[in-house]
Amino acid sequence: METPDLSLPPTCPPLGAFENYNMDDAAFALYTLVDLPPSSLSELTTLVNSEWITSPDVPPLVLLPDRYNFTGQPLRAVLDAHVALDKDITPRDDNPDVEGNLHWFPSAFIVVTDVDWATRGLLFVYLDDRDDEGEGLDAESRSLEKFFFRAQDAYPFLGSVSYGDSTLCQAKEEHAIE
């Protein structure tokens, strides 16, 4: 099996264009660069959502977008698809600082790069959200980053990012695997 091309451009400003939106209920999109059997994909989505409490008002932490299979394509194709993904914005008028609620987490996504994802981990791709001093960065200067994490760490890792308890850079420091 050929190793997927995991190269990315240094930045991707369109991923940072949603600063004025509420992401409390936004799900992380899960894509794959390898052909996974439906049973393996089902096992993976169940695992990454297993500790997340869902209800009619709280969606799963990780979801498959309509187009998630990029078998044989480079990571750049997934990036382009995520940029183009309809973020399913629900407009709001109750808070002048928030334009709407997002269904999809806009500046980060997850990718399966190996059929043996349980051992190899999952790839997390994100637009850096802070500088070295912890200050926010404008979308034009934010770097595109990636790291592998263990699927069983999805809840503590993604949950802390979703709740705003960790920045994406802090999550990398705590959950990246070799």
N, C-alpha and C. Protein backbone atom coordinates (compact mmCIF):
# COMPACT_ATOMS: atom_id res chain seq x y z
N MET A 1 0.83 -1.18 0.00
CA MET A 1 0.00 0.00 0.00
C MET A 1 0.88 1.25 0.00
N GLU A 2 0.56 2.17 -0.86
CA GLU A 2 1.33 3.40 -0.99
C GLU A 2 0.99 4.37 0.14
N THR A 3 2.02 5.03 0.67
CA THR A 3 1.82 6.01 1.73
C THR A 3 1.21 7.27 1.14
N PRO A 4 0.15 7.79 1.75
CA PRO A 4 -0.48 9.01 1.22
C PRO A 4 0.45 10.21 1.33
N ASP A 5 0.29 11.15 0.40
CA ASP A 5 1.02 12.41 0.41
C ASP A 5 0.38 13.29 1.49
N LEU A 6 1.13 13.58 2.54
CA LEU A 6 0.61 14.36 3.66
C LEU A 6 1.11 15.80 3.66
N SER A 7 1.63 16.26 2.53
CA SER A 7 2.13 17.63 2.48
C SER A 7 0.97 18.63 2.46
N LEU A 8 1.24 19.79 3.04
CA LEU A 8 0.26 20.86 3.12
C LEU A 8 0.92 22.19 2.81
N PRO A 9 0.16 23.19 2.40
CA PRO A 9 0.73 24.53 2.25
C PRO A 9 1.06 25.10 3.63
N PRO A 10 1.88 26.14 3.70
CA PRO A 10 2.26 26.68 5.01
C PRO A 10 1.09 27.32 5.78
N THR A 11 0.09 27.81 5.07
CA THR A 11 -1.06 28.42 5.73
C THR A 11 -2.31 28.22 4.88
N CYS A 12 -3.46 28.50 5.47
CA CYS A 12 -4.74 28.38 4.77
C CYS A 12 -5.72 29.36 5.40
N PRO A 13 -5.61 30.66 5.08
CA PRO A 13 -6.46 31.67 5.71
C PRO A 13 -7.97 31.38 5.69
N PRO A 14 -8.53 30.74 4.65
CA PRO A 14 -9.99 30.49 4.70
C PRO A 14 -10.44 29.66 5.91
N LEU A 15 -9.55 28.84 6.47
CA LEU A 15 -9.93 28.06 7.66
C LEU A 15 -10.13 28.95 8.89
N GLY A 16 -9.56 30.14 8.87
CA GLY A 16 -9.66 31.04 10.02
C GLY A 16 -10.71 32.12 9.86
N ALA A 17 -11.62 31.95 8.92
CA ALA A 17 -12.59 33.00 8.60
C ALA A 17 -13.86 32.95 9.45
N PHE A 18 -13.84 32.22 10.55
CA PHE A 18 -15.07 32.03 11.32
C PHE A 18 -14.92 32.47 12.78
N GLU A 19 -14.15 33.52 13.01
CA GLU A 19 -13.89 33.97 14.38
C GLU A 19 -15.14 34.49 15.08
N ASN A 20 -16.12 34.98 14.33
CA ASN A 20 -17.33 35.57 14.93
C ASN A 20 -18.49 34.58 15.00
N TYR A 21 -18.17 33.30 15.06
CA TYR A 21 -19.20 32.27 15.10
C TYR A 21 -19.04 31.40 16.34
N ASN A 22 -20.15 30.88 16.82
CA ASN A 22 -20.16 29.99 17.97
C ASN A 22 -19.86 28.57 17.50
N MET A 23 -18.87 27.94 18.13
CA MET A 23 -18.48 26.58 17.75
C MET A 23 -18.78 25.57 18.85
N ASP A 24 -19.61 25.94 19.82
CA ASP A 24 -19.90 25.05 20.95
C ASP A 24 -20.44 23.69 20.53
N ASP A 25 -21.25 23.66 19.50
CA ASP A 25 -21.84 22.40 19.03
C ASP A 25 -21.26 21.93 17.71
N ALA A 26 -20.13 22.50 17.32
CA ALA A 26 -19.51 22.12 16.05
C ALA A 26 -18.82 20.76 16.18
N ALA A 27 -19.02 19.93 15.18
CA ALA A 27 -18.37 18.61 15.14
C ALA A 27 -17.08 18.70 14.34
N PHE A 28 -16.14 17.84 14.68
CA PHE A 28 -14.91 17.72 13.90
C PHE A 28 -15.19 16.76 12.74
N ALA A 29 -14.84 17.17 11.54
CA ALA A 29 -15.04 16.33 10.36
C ALA A 29 -13.97 15.25 10.31
N LEU A 30 -14.38 14.04 9.96
CA LEU A 30 -13.48 12.90 9.82
C LEU A 30 -13.43 12.49 8.36
N TYR A 31 -12.22 12.51 7.80
CA TYR A 31 -11.98 12.13 6.41
C TYR A 31 -11.06 10.92 6.39
N THR A 32 -10.97 10.26 5.24
CA THR A 32 -10.03 9.15 5.11
C THR A 32 -9.28 9.24 3.78
N LEU A 33 -7.98 8.94 3.84
CA LEU A 33 -7.14 8.86 2.64
C LEU A 33 -6.91 7.41 2.23
N VAL A 34 -7.47 6.48 2.99
CA VAL A 34 -7.31 5.05 2.70
C VAL A 34 -8.70 4.41 2.64
N ASP A 35 -8.77 3.31 1.93
CA ASP A 35 -10.04 2.61 1.78
C ASP A 35 -10.31 1.78 3.03
N LEU A 36 -11.22 2.24 3.85
CA LEU A 36 -11.58 1.54 5.08
C LEU A 36 -12.86 0.73 4.87
N PRO A 37 -12.87 -0.50 5.34
CA PRO A 37 -14.13 -1.26 5.28
C PRO A 37 -15.18 -0.55 6.15
N PRO A 38 -16.45 -0.64 5.79
CA PRO A 38 -17.49 0.01 6.60
C PRO A 38 -17.44 -0.38 8.08
N SER A 39 -17.08 -1.61 8.38
CA SER A 39 -17.02 -2.03 9.79
C SER A 39 -15.92 -1.28 10.54
N SER A 40 -14.79 -1.04 9.90
CA SER A 40 -13.69 -0.32 10.53
C SER A 40 -14.05 1.16 10.72
N LEU A 41 -14.70 1.74 9.73
CA LEU A 41 -15.13 3.13 9.83
C LEU A 41 -16.17 3.30 10.93
N SER A 42 -17.09 2.35 11.03
CA SER A 42 -18.10 2.38 12.08
C SER A 42 -17.45 2.23 13.46
N GLU A 43 -16.49 1.31 13.57
CA GLU A 43 -15.76 1.12 14.83
C GLU A 43 -15.04 2.40 15.24
N LEU A 44 -14.41 3.06 14.27
CA LEU A 44 -13.68 4.28 14.55
C LEU A 44 -14.62 5.40 15.01
N THR A 45 -15.69 5.64 14.29
CA THR A 45 -16.60 6.72 14.69
C THR A 45 -17.24 6.44 16.05
N THR A 46 -17.52 5.19 16.33
CA THR A 46 -18.06 4.83 17.64
C THR A 46 -17.02 5.10 18.73
N LEU A 47 -15.77 4.72 18.48
CA LEU A 47 -14.70 4.92 19.47
C LEU A 47 -14.48 6.40 19.77
N VAL A 48 -14.34 7.23 18.75
CA VAL A 48 -14.02 8.64 18.98
C VAL A 48 -15.17 9.40 19.63
N ASN A 49 -16.38 8.87 19.52
CA ASN A 49 -17.54 9.52 20.15
C ASN A 49 -18.00 8.83 21.42
N SER A 50 -17.31 7.77 21.84
CA SER A 50 -17.81 6.90 22.91
C SER A 50 -18.02 7.59 24.25
N GLU A 51 -17.19 8.54 24.61
CA GLU A 51 -17.33 9.20 25.91
C GLU A 51 -18.09 10.52 25.83
N TRP A 52 -18.35 10.97 24.63
CA TRP A 52 -19.04 12.23 24.41
C TRP A 52 -20.53 12.01 24.63
N ILE A 53 -21.14 12.82 25.45
CA ILE A 53 -22.57 12.66 25.74
C ILE A 53 -23.36 13.40 24.67
N THR A 54 -24.09 12.65 23.87
CA THR A 54 -24.91 13.26 22.83
C THR A 54 -26.38 13.22 23.24
N SER A 55 -27.13 14.12 22.65
CA SER A 55 -28.56 14.21 22.87
C SER A 55 -29.14 14.91 21.65
N PRO A 56 -30.45 15.08 21.61
CA PRO A 56 -31.00 15.83 20.47
C PRO A 56 -30.41 17.24 20.36
N ASP A 57 -29.98 17.80 21.49
CA ASP A 57 -29.41 19.15 21.48
C ASP A 57 -27.89 19.18 21.38
N VAL A 58 -27.24 18.03 21.56
CA VAL A 58 -25.78 17.96 21.52
C VAL A 58 -25.36 16.93 20.47
N PRO A 59 -24.78 17.39 19.37
CA PRO A 59 -24.38 16.46 18.32
C PRO A 59 -23.12 15.69 18.71
N PRO A 60 -22.80 14.63 17.96
CA PRO A 60 -21.55 13.91 18.21
C PRO A 60 -20.34 14.83 18.08
N LEU A 61 -19.26 14.44 18.70
CA LEU A 61 -18.01 15.21 18.66
C LEU A 61 -17.35 15.11 17.28
N VAL A 62 -17.45 13.93 16.66
CA VAL A 62 -16.83 13.67 15.36
C VAL A 62 -17.89 13.10 14.43
N LEU A 63 -17.95 13.64 13.21
CA LEU A 63 -18.91 13.17 12.21
C LEU A 63 -18.24 13.03 10.85
N LEU A 64 -18.83 12.20 10.01
CA LEU A 64 -18.38 12.08 8.63
C LEU A 64 -19.15 13.10 7.80
N PRO A 65 -18.46 13.97 7.07
CA PRO A 65 -19.19 14.85 6.14
C PRO A 65 -19.72 14.01 4.97
N ASP A 66 -20.57 14.59 4.16
CA ASP A 66 -21.11 13.84 3.02
C ASP A 66 -20.00 13.25 2.15
N ARG A 67 -18.98 14.04 1.91
CA ARG A 67 -17.83 13.54 1.14
C ARG A 67 -16.67 13.39 2.10
N TYR A 68 -16.33 12.17 2.44
CA TYR A 68 -15.27 11.91 3.41
C TYR A 68 -14.17 11.00 2.86
N ASN A 69 -14.43 10.27 1.78
CA ASN A 69 -13.48 9.28 1.27
C ASN A 69 -12.60 9.90 0.18
N PHE A 70 -11.32 10.03 0.48
CA PHE A 70 -10.34 10.57 -0.46
C PHE A 70 -9.24 9.55 -0.72
N THR A 71 -9.64 8.30 -0.80
CA THR A 71 -8.69 7.21 -1.01
C THR A 71 -7.81 7.49 -2.23
N GLY A 72 -6.49 7.36 -2.01
CA GLY A 72 -5.53 7.53 -3.09
C GLY A 72 -5.21 8.97 -3.43
N GLN A 73 -5.81 9.93 -2.75
CA GLN A 73 -5.58 11.34 -3.03
C GLN A 73 -4.65 11.94 -1.96
N PRO A 74 -4.04 13.07 -2.25
CA PRO A 74 -3.16 13.71 -1.26
C PRO A 74 -3.98 14.42 -0.18
N LEU A 75 -3.34 14.70 0.93
CA LEU A 75 -3.98 15.42 2.03
C LEU A 75 -4.50 16.78 1.56
N ARG A 76 -3.83 17.37 0.61
CA ARG A 76 -4.26 18.67 0.08
C ARG A 76 -5.70 18.61 -0.45
N ALA A 77 -6.11 17.47 -1.02
CA ALA A 77 -7.48 17.31 -1.52
C ALA A 77 -8.48 17.38 -0.36
N VAL A 78 -8.11 16.81 0.77
CA VAL A 78 -8.97 16.88 1.96
C VAL A 78 -9.05 18.32 2.45
N LEU A 79 -7.92 19.00 2.50
CA LEU A 79 -7.90 20.41 2.91
C LEU A 79 -8.84 21.23 2.03
N ASP A 80 -8.72 21.06 0.73
CA ASP A 80 -9.58 21.81 -0.20
C ASP A 80 -11.06 21.50 0.05
N ALA A 81 -11.36 20.23 0.29
CA ALA A 81 -12.75 19.83 0.56
C ALA A 81 -13.25 20.43 1.87
N HIS A 82 -12.38 20.47 2.88
CA HIS A 82 -12.80 21.03 4.17
C HIS A 82 -13.04 22.53 4.06
N VAL A 83 -12.22 23.21 3.30
CA VAL A 83 -12.44 24.65 3.08
C VAL A 83 -13.80 24.85 2.40
N ALA A 84 -14.11 24.00 1.42
CA ALA A 84 -15.36 24.12 0.67
C ALA A 84 -16.58 23.58 1.41
N LEU A 85 -16.37 22.81 2.47
CA LEU A 85 -17.47 22.20 3.22
C LEU A 85 -18.44 23.27 3.72
N ASP A 86 -19.72 23.06 3.46
CA ASP A 86 -20.75 23.95 3.98
C ASP A 86 -20.74 23.80 5.50
N LYS A 87 -20.40 24.84 6.21
CA LYS A 87 -20.28 24.77 7.68
C LYS A 87 -21.65 24.73 8.36
N ASP A 88 -22.72 24.78 7.56
CA ASP A 88 -24.08 24.63 8.08
C ASP A 88 -24.33 25.64 9.20
N ILE A 89 -24.25 26.91 8.85
CA ILE A 89 -24.38 27.99 9.82
C ILE A 89 -25.84 28.25 10.15
N THR A 90 -26.14 28.30 11.44
CA THR A 90 -27.46 28.70 11.91
C THR A 90 -27.34 30.14 12.39
N PRO A 91 -27.98 31.09 11.69
CA PRO A 91 -27.86 32.50 12.08
C PRO A 91 -28.39 32.75 13.50
N ARG A 92 -27.80 33.75 14.15
CA ARG A 92 -28.24 34.16 15.49
C ARG A 92 -28.43 35.66 15.50
N ASP A 93 -29.38 36.10 16.28
CA ASP A 93 -29.57 37.54 16.45
C ASP A 93 -29.63 37.93 17.93
N ASP A 94 -29.29 36.98 18.81
CA ASP A 94 -29.36 37.23 20.24
C ASP A 94 -28.07 37.80 20.83
N ASN A 95 -27.00 37.84 20.03
CA ASN A 95 -25.71 38.31 20.51
C ASN A 95 -25.02 39.04 19.36
N PRO A 96 -24.78 40.33 19.49
CA PRO A 96 -24.18 41.09 18.39
C PRO A 96 -22.75 40.65 18.04
N ASP A 97 -22.08 39.95 18.95
CA ASP A 97 -20.72 39.50 18.70
C ASP A 97 -20.65 38.15 18.00
N VAL A 98 -21.79 37.47 17.88
CA VAL A 98 -21.82 36.13 17.29
C VAL A 98 -22.76 36.14 16.09
N GLU A 99 -22.21 35.84 14.91
CA GLU A 99 -23.01 35.85 13.69
C GLU A 99 -23.88 34.61 13.53
N GLY A 100 -23.45 33.50 14.14
CA GLY A 100 -24.24 32.28 14.01
C GLY A 100 -23.54 31.10 14.67
N ASN A 101 -24.22 29.96 14.67
CA ASN A 101 -23.68 28.71 15.21
C ASN A 101 -23.18 27.85 14.06
N LEU A 102 -22.03 27.22 14.24
CA LEU A 102 -21.46 26.35 13.22
C LEU A 102 -21.74 24.89 13.53
N HIS A 103 -22.02 24.11 12.50
CA HIS A 103 -22.22 22.67 12.63
C HIS A 103 -20.89 21.93 12.54
N TRP A 104 -19.94 22.49 11.79
CA TRP A 104 -18.62 21.87 11.59
C TRP A 104 -17.54 22.78 12.17
N PHE A 105 -16.58 22.19 12.87
CA PHE A 105 -15.43 22.94 13.38
C PHE A 105 -14.63 23.40 12.16
N PRO A 106 -14.48 24.70 11.95
CA PRO A 106 -13.93 25.18 10.68
C PRO A 106 -12.41 25.09 10.54
N SER A 107 -11.67 25.24 11.63
CA SER A 107 -10.22 25.38 11.51
C SER A 107 -9.44 24.11 11.82
N ALA A 108 -10.13 22.98 11.91
CA ALA A 108 -9.44 21.72 12.21
C ALA A 108 -10.27 20.54 11.71
N PHE A 109 -9.58 19.45 11.39
CA PHE A 109 -10.27 18.23 10.97
C PHE A 109 -9.36 17.03 11.22
N ILE A 110 -9.94 15.83 11.11
CA ILE A 110 -9.24 14.58 11.39
C ILE A 110 -9.17 13.75 10.12
N VAL A 111 -8.04 13.04 9.94
CA VAL A 111 -7.85 12.23 8.74
C VAL A 111 -7.30 10.86 9.11
N VAL A 112 -7.90 9.82 8.54
CA VAL A 112 -7.37 8.46 8.65
C VAL A 112 -6.35 8.31 7.52
N THR A 113 -5.11 7.98 7.87
CA THR A 113 -4.05 7.86 6.86
C THR A 113 -3.54 6.43 6.70
N ASP A 114 -4.04 5.52 7.54
CA ASP A 114 -3.58 4.13 7.51
C ASP A 114 -4.74 3.24 7.94
N VAL A 115 -4.91 2.10 7.25
CA VAL A 115 -5.99 1.18 7.63
C VAL A 115 -5.79 0.68 9.06
N ASP A 116 -4.56 0.70 9.53
CA ASP A 116 -4.26 0.30 10.91
C ASP A 116 -4.28 1.53 11.82
N TRP A 117 -5.36 2.28 11.77
CA TRP A 117 -5.48 3.52 12.53
C TRP A 117 -5.41 3.30 14.04
N ALA A 118 -5.82 2.12 14.51
CA ALA A 118 -5.79 1.85 15.95
C ALA A 118 -4.36 1.86 16.48
N THR A 119 -3.40 1.45 15.64
CA THR A 119 -1.99 1.44 16.03
C THR A 119 -1.28 2.71 15.60
N ARG A 120 -1.53 3.14 14.38
CA ARG A 120 -0.81 4.28 13.80
C ARG A 120 -1.33 5.64 14.25
N GLY A 121 -2.57 5.68 14.69
CA GLY A 121 -3.16 6.95 15.10
C GLY A 121 -3.90 7.64 13.97
N LEU A 122 -4.48 8.76 14.31
CA LEU A 122 -5.23 9.59 13.38
C LEU A 122 -4.48 10.91 13.21
N LEU A 123 -4.61 11.50 12.05
CA LEU A 123 -3.95 12.77 11.78
C LEU A 123 -4.91 13.91 12.10
N PHE A 124 -4.44 14.86 12.88
CA PHE A 124 -5.22 16.06 13.20
C PHE A 124 -4.57 17.22 12.46
N VAL A 125 -5.34 17.91 11.64
CA VAL A 125 -4.86 19.05 10.87
C VAL A 125 -5.57 20.28 11.39
N TYR A 126 -4.81 21.34 11.64
CA TYR A 126 -5.43 22.54 12.21
C TYR A 126 -4.67 23.80 11.81
N LEU A 127 -5.38 24.91 11.87
CA LEU A 127 -4.79 26.22 11.67
C LEU A 127 -4.38 26.73 13.04
N ASP A 128 -3.09 26.99 13.22
CA ASP A 128 -2.55 27.44 14.50
C ASP A 128 -3.36 28.62 15.01
N ASP A 129 -3.71 28.58 16.29
CA ASP A 129 -4.59 29.61 16.83
C ASP A 129 -3.93 30.61 17.77
N ARG A 130 -2.67 30.40 18.11
CA ARG A 130 -2.00 31.29 19.06
C ARG A 130 -0.52 31.46 18.69
N ASP A 131 0.03 32.63 19.05
CA ASP A 131 1.47 32.82 18.86
C ASP A 131 2.20 32.29 20.10
N ASP A 132 3.51 32.47 20.14
CA ASP A 132 4.31 31.93 21.25
C ASP A 132 3.95 32.53 22.61
N GLU A 133 3.35 33.70 22.61
CA GLU A 133 2.94 34.34 23.87
C GLU A 133 1.49 34.04 24.22
N GLY A 134 0.82 33.21 23.42
CA GLY A 134 -0.57 32.86 23.70
C GLY A 134 -1.58 33.84 23.15
N GLU A 135 -1.12 34.79 22.36
CA GLU A 135 -2.02 35.78 21.77
C GLU A 135 -2.63 35.23 20.49
N GLY A 136 -3.85 35.66 20.20
CA GLY A 136 -4.51 35.24 18.96
C GLY A 136 -3.80 35.80 17.74
N LEU A 137 -3.88 35.08 16.65
CA LEU A 137 -3.24 35.49 15.41
C LEU A 137 -4.31 35.78 14.36
N ASP A 138 -4.01 36.72 13.44
CA ASP A 138 -4.97 36.91 12.36
C ASP A 138 -4.84 35.77 11.37
N ALA A 139 -5.89 35.52 10.62
CA ALA A 139 -5.96 34.35 9.74
C ALA A 139 -4.82 34.31 8.72
N GLU A 140 -4.34 35.46 8.29
CA GLU A 140 -3.29 35.50 7.26
C GLU A 140 -1.95 34.99 7.77
N SER A 141 -1.68 35.12 9.06
CA SER A 141 -0.37 34.73 9.58
C SER A 141 -0.39 33.40 10.34
N ARG A 142 -1.52 32.74 10.39
CA ARG A 142 -1.62 31.48 11.12
C ARG A 142 -1.08 30.33 10.28
N SER A 143 -0.23 29.51 10.87
CA SER A 143 0.36 28.40 10.12
C SER A 143 -0.55 27.17 10.18
N LEU A 144 -0.48 26.38 9.13
CA LEU A 144 -1.22 25.13 9.06
C LEU A 144 -0.34 24.05 9.68
N GLU A 145 -0.87 23.35 10.67
CA GLU A 145 -0.10 22.36 11.43
C GLU A 145 -0.80 21.01 11.38
N LYS A 146 -0.06 19.96 11.75
CA LYS A 146 -0.66 18.62 11.82
C LYS A 146 0.14 17.76 12.79
N PHE A 147 -0.54 16.78 13.36
CA PHE A 147 0.11 15.80 14.22
C PHE A 147 -0.79 14.58 14.34
N PHE A 148 -0.19 13.46 14.72
CA PHE A 148 -0.94 12.23 14.93
C PHE A 148 -1.32 12.12 16.41
N PHE A 149 -2.51 11.55 16.65
CA PHE A 149 -2.96 11.28 18.02
C PHE A 149 -3.64 9.92 18.05
N ARG A 150 -3.75 9.36 19.25
CA ARG A 150 -4.39 8.05 19.39
C ARG A 150 -5.91 8.21 19.38
N ALA A 151 -6.59 7.34 18.66
CA ALA A 151 -8.05 7.42 18.55
C ALA A 151 -8.71 7.37 19.92
N GLN A 152 -8.17 6.59 20.83
CA GLN A 152 -8.78 6.49 22.16
C GLN A 152 -8.64 7.77 22.98
N ASP A 153 -7.79 8.70 22.53
CA ASP A 153 -7.65 9.99 23.20
C ASP A 153 -8.56 11.07 22.61
N ALA A 154 -9.41 10.69 21.69
CA ALA A 154 -10.26 11.67 21.01
C ALA A 154 -11.10 12.49 21.98
N TYR A 155 -11.75 11.83 22.92
CA TYR A 155 -12.63 12.59 23.81
C TYR A 155 -11.88 13.61 24.66
N PRO A 156 -10.84 13.22 25.43
CA PRO A 156 -10.18 14.25 26.24
C PRO A 156 -9.53 15.34 25.39
N PHE A 157 -9.00 14.96 24.26
CA PHE A 157 -8.32 15.90 23.38
C PHE A 157 -9.31 16.83 22.68
N LEU A 158 -10.23 16.26 21.91
CA LEU A 158 -11.16 17.07 21.14
C LEU A 158 -12.19 17.77 22.03
N GLY A 159 -12.58 17.10 23.11
CA GLY A 159 -13.51 17.73 24.04
C GLY A 159 -12.93 18.98 24.66
N SER A 160 -11.66 18.94 25.05
CA SER A 160 -11.04 20.12 25.66
C SER A 160 -10.89 21.25 24.65
N VAL A 161 -10.65 20.91 23.39
CA VAL A 161 -10.58 21.94 22.34
C VAL A 161 -11.98 22.50 22.10
N SER A 162 -12.97 21.63 22.00
CA SER A 162 -14.34 22.05 21.75
C SER A 162 -14.87 22.96 22.85
N TYR A 163 -14.57 22.62 24.09
CA TYR A 163 -15.03 23.43 25.23
C TYR A 163 -14.20 24.70 25.43
N GLY A 164 -13.08 24.82 24.71
CA GLY A 164 -12.22 25.97 24.86
C GLY A 164 -11.27 25.87 26.04
N ASP A 165 -11.15 24.67 26.62
CA ASP A 165 -10.23 24.48 27.74
C ASP A 165 -8.78 24.40 27.29
N SER A 166 -8.57 24.02 26.03
CA SER A 166 -7.22 23.93 25.46
C SER A 166 -7.19 24.62 24.11
N THR A 167 -6.07 25.26 23.82
CA THR A 167 -5.88 25.76 22.47
C THR A 167 -5.43 24.58 21.61
N LEU A 168 -5.45 24.76 20.32
CA LEU A 168 -5.01 23.69 19.43
C LEU A 168 -3.53 23.38 19.64
N CYS A 169 -2.72 24.41 19.90
CA CYS A 169 -1.29 24.18 20.15
C CYS A 169 -1.07 23.42 21.46
N GLN A 170 -1.83 23.73 22.49
CA GLN A 170 -1.71 22.98 23.75
C GLN A 170 -2.11 21.53 23.54
N ALA A 171 -3.14 21.31 22.75
CA ALA A 171 -3.59 19.94 22.48
C ALA A 171 -2.48 19.15 21.79
N LYS A 172 -1.76 19.81 20.89
CA LYS A 172 -0.65 19.13 20.21
C LYS A 172 0.41 18.71 21.23
N GLU A 173 0.77 19.62 22.12
CA GLU A 173 1.79 19.31 23.13
C GLU A 173 1.38 18.14 24.01
N GLU A 174 0.09 18.03 24.30
CA GLU A 174 -0.40 17.00 25.22
C GLU A 174 -0.72 15.67 24.56
N HIS A 175 -1.11 15.67 23.28
CA HIS A 175 -1.65 14.45 22.67
C HIS A 175 -0.92 13.94 21.43
N ALA A 176 0.09 14.65 20.97
CA ALA A 176 0.80 14.19 19.77
C ALA A 176 1.57 12.90 20.05
N ILE A 177 1.54 11.99 19.10
CA ILE A 177 2.33 10.76 19.18
C ILE A 177 3.30 10.74 18.01
N GLU A 178 4.34 9.95 18.15
CA GLU A 178 5.35 9.83 17.07
C GLU A 178 4.85 8.94 15.98
